[in-house]
PDB file of N, CA and C in Angstrom:
ATOM      1  N   MET A   1      84.684  95.134 108.601  1.00  0.00           N
ATOM      2  CA  MET A   1      85.331  95.214 107.318  1.00  0.00           C
ATOM      3  C   MET A   1      86.430  94.157 107.279  1.00  0.00           C
ATOM      4  N   ARG A   2      86.646  93.580 106.087  1.00  0.00           N
ATOM      5  CA  ARG A   2      87.734  92.625 105.899  1.00  0.00           C
ATOM      6  C   ARG A   2      88.337  92.821 104.524  1.00  0.00           C
ATOM      7  N   SER A   3      89.584  92.468 104.378  1.00  0.00           N
ATOM      8  CA  SER A   3      90.251  92.553 103.074  1.00  0.00           C
ATOM      9  C   SER A   3      89.717  91.444 102.175  1.00  0.00           C
ATOM     10  N   THR A   4      89.570  91.751 100.896  1.00  0.00           N
ATOM     11  CA  THR A   4      89.079  90.749  99.946  1.00  0.00           C
ATOM     12  C   THR A   4      90.057  90.472  98.813  1.00  0.00           C
ATOM     13  N   THR A   5      90.975  91.408  98.549  1.00  0.00           N
ATOM     14  CA  THR A   5      91.881  91.255  97.410  1.00  0.00           C
ATOM     15  C   THR A   5      93.230  91.887  97.719  1.00  0.00           C
ATOM     16  N   LEU A   6      94.292  91.223  97.282  1.00  0.00           N
ATOM     17  CA  LEU A   6      95.638  91.783  97.340  1.00  0.00           C
ATOM     18  C   LEU A   6      96.289  91.484  96.006  1.00  0.00           C
ATOM     19  N   VAL A   7      96.782  92.533  95.333  1.00  0.00           N
ATOM     20  CA  VAL A   7      97.444  92.377  94.040  1.00  0.00           C
ATOM     21  C   VAL A   7      98.886  92.865  94.180  1.00  0.00           C
ATOM     22  N   ILE A   8      99.815  92.030  93.733  1.00  0.00           N
ATOM     23  CA  ILE A   8     101.236  92.386  93.711  1.00  0.00           C
ATOM     24  C   ILE A   8     101.665  92.506  92.258  1.00  0.00           C
ATOM     25  N   TYR A   9     102.391  93.589  91.948  1.00  0.00           N
ATOM     26  CA  TYR A   9     102.936  93.794  90.608  1.00  0.00           C
ATOM     27  C   TYR A   9     104.439  93.539  90.667  1.00  0.00           C
ATOM     28  N   THR A  10     104.951  92.754  89.721  1.00  0.00           N
ATOM     29  CA  THR A  10     106.361  92.374  89.741  1.00  0.00           C
ATOM     30  C   THR A  10     106.941  92.319  88.328  1.00  0.00           C
ATOM     31  N   HIS A  11     108.262  92.541  88.243  1.00  0.00           N
ATOM     32  CA  HIS A  11     108.962  92.390  86.960  1.00  0.00           C
ATOM     33  C   HIS A  11     109.359  90.936  86.722  1.00  0.00           C
ATOM     34  N   ASP A  12     109.202  90.080  87.721  1.00  0.00           N
ATOM     35  CA  ASP A  12     109.556  88.663  87.607  1.00  0.00           C
ATOM     36  C   ASP A  12     108.323  87.825  87.945  1.00  0.00           C
ATOM     37  N   LEU A  13     107.371  87.777  87.033  1.00  0.00           N
ATOM     38  CA  LEU A  13     106.090  87.118  87.266  1.00  0.00           C
ATOM     39  C   LEU A  13     106.249  85.655  87.662  1.00  0.00           C
ATOM     40  N   GLU A  14     107.026  84.907  86.908  1.00  0.00           N
ATOM     41  CA  GLU A  14     107.174  83.478  87.187  1.00  0.00           C
ATOM     42  C   GLU A  14     107.918  83.239  88.508  1.00  0.00           C
ATOM     43  N   GLY A  15     108.947  84.016  88.760  1.00  0.00           N
ATOM     44  CA  GLY A  15     109.688  83.869  90.012  1.00  0.00           C
ATOM     45  C   GLY A  15     108.832  84.204  91.222  1.00  0.00           C
ATOM     46  N   CYS A  16     108.040  85.253  91.115  1.00  0.00           N
ATOM     47  CA  CYS A  16     107.160  85.641  92.218  1.00  0.00           C
ATOM     48  C   CYS A  16     106.082  84.576  92.427  1.00  0.00           C
ATOM     49  N   ARG A  17     105.548  84.056  91.343  1.00  0.00           N
ATOM     50  CA  ARG A  17     104.558  82.970  91.438  1.00  0.00           C
ATOM     51  C   ARG A  17     105.178  81.762  92.144  1.00  0.00           C
ATOM     52  N   ASP A  18     106.398  81.388  91.745  1.00  0.00           N
ATOM     53  CA  ASP A  18     107.073  80.251  92.368  1.00  0.00           C
ATOM     54  C   ASP A  18     107.296  80.489  93.860  1.00  0.00           C
ATOM     55  N   PHE A  19     107.668  81.711  94.228  1.00  0.00           N
ATOM     56  CA  PHE A  19     107.929  82.046  95.618  1.00  0.00           C
ATOM     57  C   PHE A  19     106.677  81.822  96.473  1.00  0.00           C
ATOM     58  N   TYR A  20     105.546  82.405  96.073  1.00  0.00           N
ATOM     59  CA  TYR A  20     104.324  82.278  96.866  1.00  0.00           C
ATOM     60  C   TYR A  20     103.711  80.880  96.762  1.00  0.00           C
ATOM     61  N   ALA A  21     103.834  80.243  95.630  1.00  0.00           N
ATOM     62  CA  ALA A  21     103.354  78.857  95.497  1.00  0.00           C
ATOM     63  C   ALA A  21     104.148  77.940  96.419  1.00  0.00           C
ATOM     64  N   GLY A  22     105.405  78.271  96.672  1.00  0.00           N
ATOM     65  CA  GLY A  22     106.236  77.492  97.575  1.00  0.00           C
ATOM     66  C   GLY A  22     105.708  77.462  99.001  1.00  0.00           C
ATOM     67  N   PHE A  23     104.862  78.418  99.346  1.00  0.00           N
ATOM     68  CA  PHE A  23     104.237  78.456 100.669  1.00  0.00           C
ATOM     69  C   PHE A  23     102.851  77.824 100.647  1.00  0.00           C
ATOM     70  N   GLY A  24     102.494  77.235  99.514  1.00  0.00           N
ATOM     71  CA  GLY A  24     101.219  76.525  99.443  1.00  0.00           C
ATOM     72  C   GLY A  24     100.076  77.285  98.812  1.00  0.00           C
ATOM     73  N   LEU A  25     100.296  78.502  98.326  1.00  0.00           N
ATOM     74  CA  LEU A  25      99.204  79.211  97.652  1.00  0.00           C
ATOM     75  C   LEU A  25      98.937  78.544  96.306  1.00  0.00           C
ATOM     76  N   PRO A  26      97.709  78.131  96.056  1.00  0.00           N
ATOM     77  CA  PRO A  26      97.379  77.445  94.802  1.00  0.00           C
ATOM     78  C   PRO A  26      97.180  78.438  93.660  1.00  0.00           C
ATOM     79  N   LEU A  27      98.260  79.064  93.215  1.00  0.00           N
ATOM     80  CA  LEU A  27      98.168  80.088  92.174  1.00  0.00           C
ATOM     81  C   LEU A  27      97.863  79.463  90.818  1.00  0.00           C
ATOM     82  N   VAL A  28      96.848  80.004  90.175  1.00  0.00           N
ATOM     83  CA  VAL A  28      96.367  79.505  88.892  1.00  0.00           C
ATOM     84  C   VAL A  28      96.620  80.574  87.825  1.00  0.00           C
ATOM     85  N   ARG A  29      97.119  80.139  86.672  1.00  0.00           N
ATOM     86  CA  ARG A  29      97.365  81.062  85.554  1.00  0.00           C
ATOM     87  C   ARG A  29      96.025  81.535  85.013  1.00  0.00           C
ATOM     88  N   GLU A  30      95.886  82.869  84.826  1.00  0.00           N
ATOM     89  CA  GLU A  30      94.652  83.442  84.294  1.00  0.00           C
ATOM     90  C   GLU A  30      94.976  84.506  83.252  1.00  0.00           C
ATOM     91  N   LYS A  31      94.036  84.719  82.360  1.00  0.00           N
ATOM     92  CA  LYS A  31      94.110  85.808  81.379  1.00  0.00           C
ATOM     93  C   LYS A  31      92.679  86.155  81.021  1.00  0.00           C
ATOM     94  N   HIS A  32      92.312  87.415  81.199  1.00  0.00           N
ATOM     95  CA  HIS A  32      90.947  87.853  80.928  1.00  0.00           C
ATOM     96  C   HIS A  32      90.942  88.775  79.714  1.00  0.00           C
ATOM     97  N   GLY A  33      90.306  88.359  78.632  1.00  0.00           N
ATOM     98  CA  GLY A  33      90.241  89.178  77.427  1.00  0.00           C
ATOM     99  C   GLY A  33      91.615  89.570  76.943  1.00  0.00           C
ATOM    100  N   SER A  34      91.825  90.868  76.739  1.00  0.00           N
ATOM    101  CA  SER A  34      93.117  91.347  76.239  1.00  0.00           C
ATOM    102  C   SER A  34      94.076  91.705  77.377  1.00  0.00           C
ATOM    103  N   GLY A  35      93.690  91.411  78.624  1.00  0.00           N
ATOM    104  CA  GLY A  35      94.547  91.701  79.775  1.00  0.00           C
ATOM    105  C   GLY A  35      95.753  90.786  79.818  1.00  0.00           C
ATOM    106  N   PRO A  36      96.687  91.078  80.717  1.00  0.00           N
ATOM    107  CA  PRO A  36      97.916  90.285  80.805  1.00  0.00           C
ATOM    108  C   PRO A  36      97.706  88.938  81.491  1.00  0.00           C
ATOM    109  N   VAL A  37      98.580  88.007  81.178  1.00  0.00           N
ATOM    110  CA  VAL A  37      98.626  86.750  81.924  1.00  0.00           C
ATOM    111  C   VAL A  37      99.032  87.109  83.350  1.00  0.00           C
ATOM    112  N   HIS A  38      98.374  86.523  84.319  1.00  0.00           N
ATOM    113  CA  HIS A  38      98.694  86.737  85.726  1.00  0.00           C
ATOM    114  C   HIS A  38      98.338  85.468  86.496  1.00  0.00           C
ATOM    115  N   TYR A  39      98.597  85.464  87.796  1.00  0.00           N
ATOM    116  CA  TYR A  39      98.294  84.306  88.630  1.00  0.00           C
ATOM    117  C   TYR A  39      97.400  84.740  89.782  1.00  0.00           C
ATOM    118  N   ALA A  40      96.462  83.864  90.155  1.00  0.00           N
ATOM    119  CA  ALA A  40      95.536  84.181  91.233  1.00  0.00           C
ATOM    120  C   ALA A  40      95.274  82.953  92.093  1.00  0.00           C
ATOM    121  N   ALA A  41      95.051  83.207  93.373  1.00  0.00           N
ATOM    122  CA  ALA A  41      94.650  82.157  94.317  1.00  0.00           C
ATOM    123  C   ALA A  41      93.490  82.715  95.123  1.00  0.00           C
ATOM    124  N   GLU A  42      92.481  81.891  95.364  1.00  0.00           N
ATOM    125  CA  GLU A  42      91.346  82.314  96.177  1.00  0.00           C
ATOM    126  C   GLU A  42      91.212  81.378  97.368  1.00  0.00           C
ATOM    127  N   SER A  43      91.103  81.972  98.556  1.00  0.00           N
ATOM    128  CA  SER A  43      90.962  81.164  99.766  1.00  0.00           C
ATOM    129  C   SER A  43      89.500  80.758  99.951  1.00  0.00           C
ATOM    130  N   ALA A  44      89.267  79.855 100.869  1.00  0.00           N
ATOM    131  CA  ALA A  44      87.918  79.349 101.123  1.00  0.00           C
ATOM    132  C   ALA A  44      86.961  80.463 101.547  1.00  0.00           C
ATOM    133  N   ASP A  45      87.481  81.502 102.186  1.00  0.00           N
ATOM    134  CA  ASP A  45      86.608  82.597 102.628  1.00  0.00           C
ATOM    135  C   ASP A  45      86.482  83.709 101.582  1.00  0.00           C
ATOM    136  N   GLY A  46      87.023  83.484 100.368  1.00  0.00           N
ATOM    137  CA  GLY A  46      86.844  84.441  99.281  1.00  0.00           C
ATOM    138  C   GLY A  46      87.957  85.453  99.098  1.00  0.00           C
ATOM    139  N   PHE A  47      89.002  85.419  99.916  1.00  0.00           N
ATOM    140  CA  PHE A  47      90.119  86.350  99.742  1.00  0.00           C
ATOM    141  C   PHE A  47      90.887  85.979  98.481  1.00  0.00           C
ATOM    142  N   VAL A  48      91.182  86.959  97.630  1.00  0.00           N
ATOM    143  CA  VAL A  48      91.880  86.730  96.366  1.00  0.00           C
ATOM    144  C   VAL A  48      93.266  87.372  96.431  1.00  0.00           C
ATOM    145  N   PHE A  49      94.298  86.576  96.118  1.00  0.00           N
ATOM    146  CA  PHE A  49      95.679  87.039  96.046  1.00  0.00           C
ATOM    147  C   PHE A  49      96.111  86.905  94.589  1.00  0.00           C
ATOM    148  N   GLU A  50      96.602  88.000  93.987  1.00  0.00           N
ATOM    149  CA  GLU A  50      96.987  87.965  92.573  1.00  0.00           C
ATOM    150  C   GLU A  50      98.394  88.509  92.382  1.00  0.00           C
ATOM    151  N   VAL A  51      99.080  87.953  91.387  1.00  0.00           N
ATOM    152  CA  VAL A  51     100.412  88.409  90.994  1.00  0.00           C
ATOM    153  C   VAL A  51     100.332  88.794  89.520  1.00  0.00           C
ATOM    154  N   TYR A  52     100.595  90.067  89.237  1.00  0.00           N
ATOM    155  CA  TYR A  52     100.524  90.604  87.869  1.00  0.00           C
ATOM    156  C   TYR A  52     101.904  91.073  87.421  1.00  0.00           C
ATOM    157  N   PRO A  53     102.146  91.071  86.100  1.00  0.00           N
ATOM    158  CA  PRO A  53     103.399  91.658  85.599  1.00  0.00           C
ATOM    159  C   PRO A  53     103.344  93.175  85.778  1.00  0.00           C
ATOM    160  N   ALA A  54     104.469  93.788  86.144  1.00  0.00           N
ATOM    161  CA  ALA A  54     104.502  95.231  86.384  1.00  0.00           C
ATOM    162  C   ALA A  54     104.346  96.032  85.092  1.00  0.00           C
ATOM    163  N   LYS A  55     104.948  95.573  84.017  1.00  0.00           N
ATOM    164  CA  LYS A  55     104.893  96.269  82.721  1.00  0.00           C
ATOM    165  C   LYS A  55     105.101  97.767  82.894  1.00  0.00           C
ATOM    166  N   ASP A  56     104.087  98.595  82.576  1.00  0.00           N
ATOM    167  CA  ASP A  56     104.250 100.049  82.590  1.00  0.00           C
ATOM    168  C   ASP A  56     104.201 100.666  83.992  1.00  0.00           C
ATOM    169  N   GLN A  57     103.607  99.977  84.948  1.00  0.00           N
ATOM    170  CA  GLN A  57     103.548 100.535  86.293  1.00  0.00           C
ATOM    171  C   GLN A  57     104.727 100.051  87.139  1.00  0.00           C
ATOM    172  N   GLN A  58     104.944 100.718  88.233  1.00  0.00           N
ATOM    173  CA  GLN A  58     106.018 100.340  89.146  1.00  0.00           C
ATOM    174  C   GLN A  58     105.683  99.006  89.806  1.00  0.00           C
ATOM    175  N   PRO A  59     106.710  98.181  90.095  1.00  0.00           N
ATOM    176  CA  PRO A  59     106.432  96.972  90.868  1.00  0.00           C
ATOM    177  C   PRO A  59     105.988  97.377  92.273  1.00  0.00           C
ATOM    178  N   THR A  60     105.351  96.445  92.973  1.00  0.00           N
ATOM    179  CA  THR A  60     104.847  96.719  94.318  1.00  0.00           C
ATOM    180  C   THR A  60     106.029  96.930  95.226  1.00  0.00           C
ATOM    181  N   GLY A  61     106.919  97.408  95.330  1.00  0.00           N
ATOM    182  CA  GLY A  61     108.013  97.595  96.249  1.00  0.00           C
ATOM    183  C   GLY A  61     107.883  96.811  97.542  1.00  0.00           C
ATOM    184  N   ARG A  62     108.223  97.444  98.610  1.00  0.00           N
ATOM    185  CA  ARG A  62     108.183  96.756  99.900  1.00  0.00           C
ATOM    186  C   ARG A  62     106.746  96.608 100.365  1.00  0.00           C
ATOM    187  N   ALA A  63     106.445  95.424 100.828  1.00  0.00           N
ATOM    188  CA  ALA A  63     105.119  95.156 101.393  1.00  0.00           C
ATOM    189  C   ALA A  63     105.297  94.146 102.508  1.00  0.00           C
ATOM    190  N   ARG A  64     104.484  94.251 103.506  1.00  0.00           N
ATOM    191  CA  ARG A  64     104.527  93.276 104.597  1.00  0.00           C
ATOM    192  C   ARG A  64     103.243  92.472 104.540  1.00  0.00           C
ATOM    193  N   LEU A  65     103.396  91.170 104.291  1.00  0.00           N
ATOM    194  CA  LEU A  65     102.249  90.282 104.157  1.00  0.00           C
ATOM    195  C   LEU A  65     102.269  89.259 105.267  1.00  0.00           C
ATOM    196  N   GLY A  66     101.110  88.888 105.739  1.00  0.00           N
ATOM    197  CA  GLY A  66     101.012  87.833 106.734  1.00  0.00           C
ATOM    198  C   GLY A  66     100.131  86.720 106.206  1.00  0.00           C
ATOM    199  N   PHE A  67     100.669  85.510 106.171  1.00  0.00           N
ATOM    200  CA  PHE A  67      99.920  84.333 105.738  1.00  0.00           C
ATOM    201  C   PHE A  67     100.011  83.278 106.824  1.00  0.00           C
ATOM    202  N   SER A  68      98.952  82.568 107.025  1.00  0.00           N
ATOM    203  CA  SER A  68      98.972  81.407 107.903  1.00  0.00           C
ATOM    204  C   SER A  68      99.113  80.187 107.006  1.00  0.00           C
ATOM    205  N   VAL A  69     100.190  79.434 107.198  1.00  0.00           N
ATOM    206  CA  VAL A  69     100.442  78.262 106.359  1.00  0.00           C
ATOM    207  C   VAL A  69     100.613  77.030 107.241  1.00  0.00           C
ATOM    208  N   PRO A  70     100.350  75.844 106.702  1.00  0.00           N
ATOM    209  CA  PRO A  70     100.545  74.633 107.493  1.00  0.00           C
ATOM    210  C   PRO A  70     101.990  74.507 107.957  1.00  0.00           C
ATOM    211  N   ALA A  71     102.178  73.860 109.095  1.00  0.00           N
ATOM    212  CA  ALA A  71     103.525  73.661 109.627  1.00  0.00           C
ATOM    213  C   ALA A  71     104.347  72.829 108.656  1.00  0.00           C
ATOM    214  N   GLY A  72     105.609  73.103 108.600  1.00  0.00           N
ATOM    215  CA  GLY A  72     106.512  72.357 107.725  1.00  0.00           C
ATOM    216  C   GLY A  72     107.680  73.239 107.346  1.00  0.00           C
ATOM    217  N   PRO A  73     108.627  72.686 106.618  1.00  0.00           N
ATOM    218  CA  PRO A  73     109.811  73.469 106.247  1.00  0.00           C
ATOM    219  C   PRO A  73     109.464  74.527 105.201  1.00  0.00           C
ATOM    220  N   LEU A  74     110.207  75.622 105.257  1.00  0.00           N
ATOM    221  CA  LEU A  74     110.069  76.649 104.228  1.00  0.00           C
ATOM    222  C   LEU A  74     110.692  76.131 102.941  1.00  0.00           C
ATOM    223  N   PRO A  75     110.270  76.654 101.794  1.00  0.00           N
ATOM    224  CA  PRO A  75     110.900  76.241 100.541  1.00  0.00           C
ATOM    225  C   PRO A  75     112.398  76.522 100.589  1.00  0.00           C
ATOM    226  N   VAL A  76     113.182  75.590 100.120  1.00  0.00           N
ATOM    227  CA  VAL A  76     114.638  75.727 100.159  1.00  0.00           C
ATOM    228  C   VAL A  76     115.124  76.405  98.888  1.00  0.00           C
ATOM    229  N   GLY A  77     116.039  77.350  99.033  1.00  0.00           N
ATOM    230  CA  GLY A  77     116.674  77.977  97.885  1.00  0.00           C
ATOM    231  C   GLY A  77     115.833  79.020  97.185  1.00  0.00           C
ATOM    232  N   CYS A  78     114.680  79.380  97.735  1.00  0.00           N
ATOM    233  CA  CYS A  78     113.861  80.428  97.111  1.00  0.00           C
ATOM    234  C   CYS A  78     114.483  81.775  97.408  1.00  0.00           C
ATOM    235  N   ARG A  79     114.358  82.648  96.470  1.00  0.00           N
ATOM    236  CA  ARG A  79     114.722  84.033  96.724  1.00  0.00           C
ATOM    237  C   ARG A  79     113.438  84.825  96.587  1.00  0.00           C
ATOM    238  N   SER A  80     113.414  85.989  97.129  1.00  0.00           N
ATOM    239  CA  SER A  80     112.227  86.819  97.044  1.00  0.00           C
ATOM    240  C   SER A  80     112.275  87.594  95.731  1.00  0.00           C
ATOM    241  N   PRO A  81     111.592  87.127  94.689  1.00  0.00           N
ATOM    242  CA  PRO A  81     111.681  87.787  93.385  1.00  0.00           C
ATOM    243  C   PRO A  81     111.029  89.159  93.374  1.00  0.00           C
ATOM    244  N   CYS A  82     110.191  89.438  94.337  1.00  0.00           N
ATOM    245  CA  CYS A  82     109.532  90.739  94.356  1.00  0.00           C
ATOM    246  C   CYS A  82     110.480  91.835  94.819  1.00  0.00           C
ATOM    247  N   THR A  83     111.537  91.464  95.537  1.00  0.00           N
ATOM    248  CA  THR A  83     112.516  92.455  95.975  1.00  0.00           C
ATOM    249  C   THR A  83     113.906  92.143  95.436  1.00  0.00           C
ATOM    250  N   ASN A  84     114.128  90.892  94.994  1.00  0.00           N
ATOM    251  CA  ASN A  84     115.436  90.449  94.507  1.00  0.00           C
ATOM    252  C   ASN A  84     116.542  90.720  95.510  1.00  0.00           C
ATOM    253  N   SER A  85     116.234  90.571  96.816  1.00  0.00           N
ATOM    254  CA  SER A  85     117.234  90.968  97.779  1.00  0.00           C
ATOM    255  C   SER A  85     117.678  89.911  98.766  1.00  0.00           C
ATOM    256  N   ARG A  86     116.864  88.878  99.038  1.00  0.00           N
ATOM    257  CA  ARG A  86     117.311  87.931 100.043  1.00  0.00           C
ATOM    258  C   ARG A  86     116.663  86.585  99.861  1.00  0.00           C
ATOM    259  N   THR A  87     117.239  85.595 100.497  1.00  0.00           N
ATOM    260  CA  THR A  87     116.713  84.250 100.496  1.00  0.00           C
ATOM    261  C   THR A  87     116.022  84.002 101.823  1.00  0.00           C
ATOM    262  N   PRO A  88     114.712  83.620 101.831  1.00  0.00           N
ATOM    263  CA  PRO A  88     114.063  83.357 103.104  1.00  0.00           C
ATOM    264  C   PRO A  88     114.663  82.143 103.794  1.00  0.00           C
ATOM    265  N   THR A  89     114.756  82.238 105.089  1.00  0.00           N
ATOM    266  CA  THR A  89     115.241  81.111 105.883  1.00  0.00           C
ATOM    267  C   THR A  89     114.290  80.920 107.048  1.00  0.00           C
ATOM    268  N   ALA A  90     114.334  79.757 107.654  1.00  0.00           N
ATOM    269  CA  ALA A  90     113.474  79.494 108.797  1.00  0.00           C
ATOM    270  C   ALA A  90     113.711  80.554 109.857  1.00  0.00           C
ATOM    271  N   GLY A  91     112.625  81.093 110.377  1.00  0.00           N
ATOM    272  CA  GLY A  91     112.720  82.103 111.418  1.00  0.00           C
ATOM    273  C   GLY A  91     112.861  83.517 110.908  1.00  0.00           C
ATOM    274  N   SER A  92     112.924  83.707 109.581  1.00  0.00           N
ATOM    275  CA  SER A  92     113.066  85.087 109.084  1.00  0.00           C
ATOM    276  C   SER A  92     111.738  85.645 108.676  1.00  0.00           C
TER     277      SER A  92
END
């Protein structure tokens, strides 16, 4: 068994998109029919990561995610819009 989809709900859609895009996720703006605007990225092996507006449901609260990203500096000055609590730094 393997994971195929991860959806995060947030009250700060653009900020959350910017945060994850800063790590290299190629998030693309999508809207299906009458559904909400959201962002999605699909990896080469078919894993789909999506960021949706929370609207009527609760935002995804605390979550622990693991991504493998190319070596390089972390985005500077980003805050975690999904928690609104801290600024990522190298080694955190």
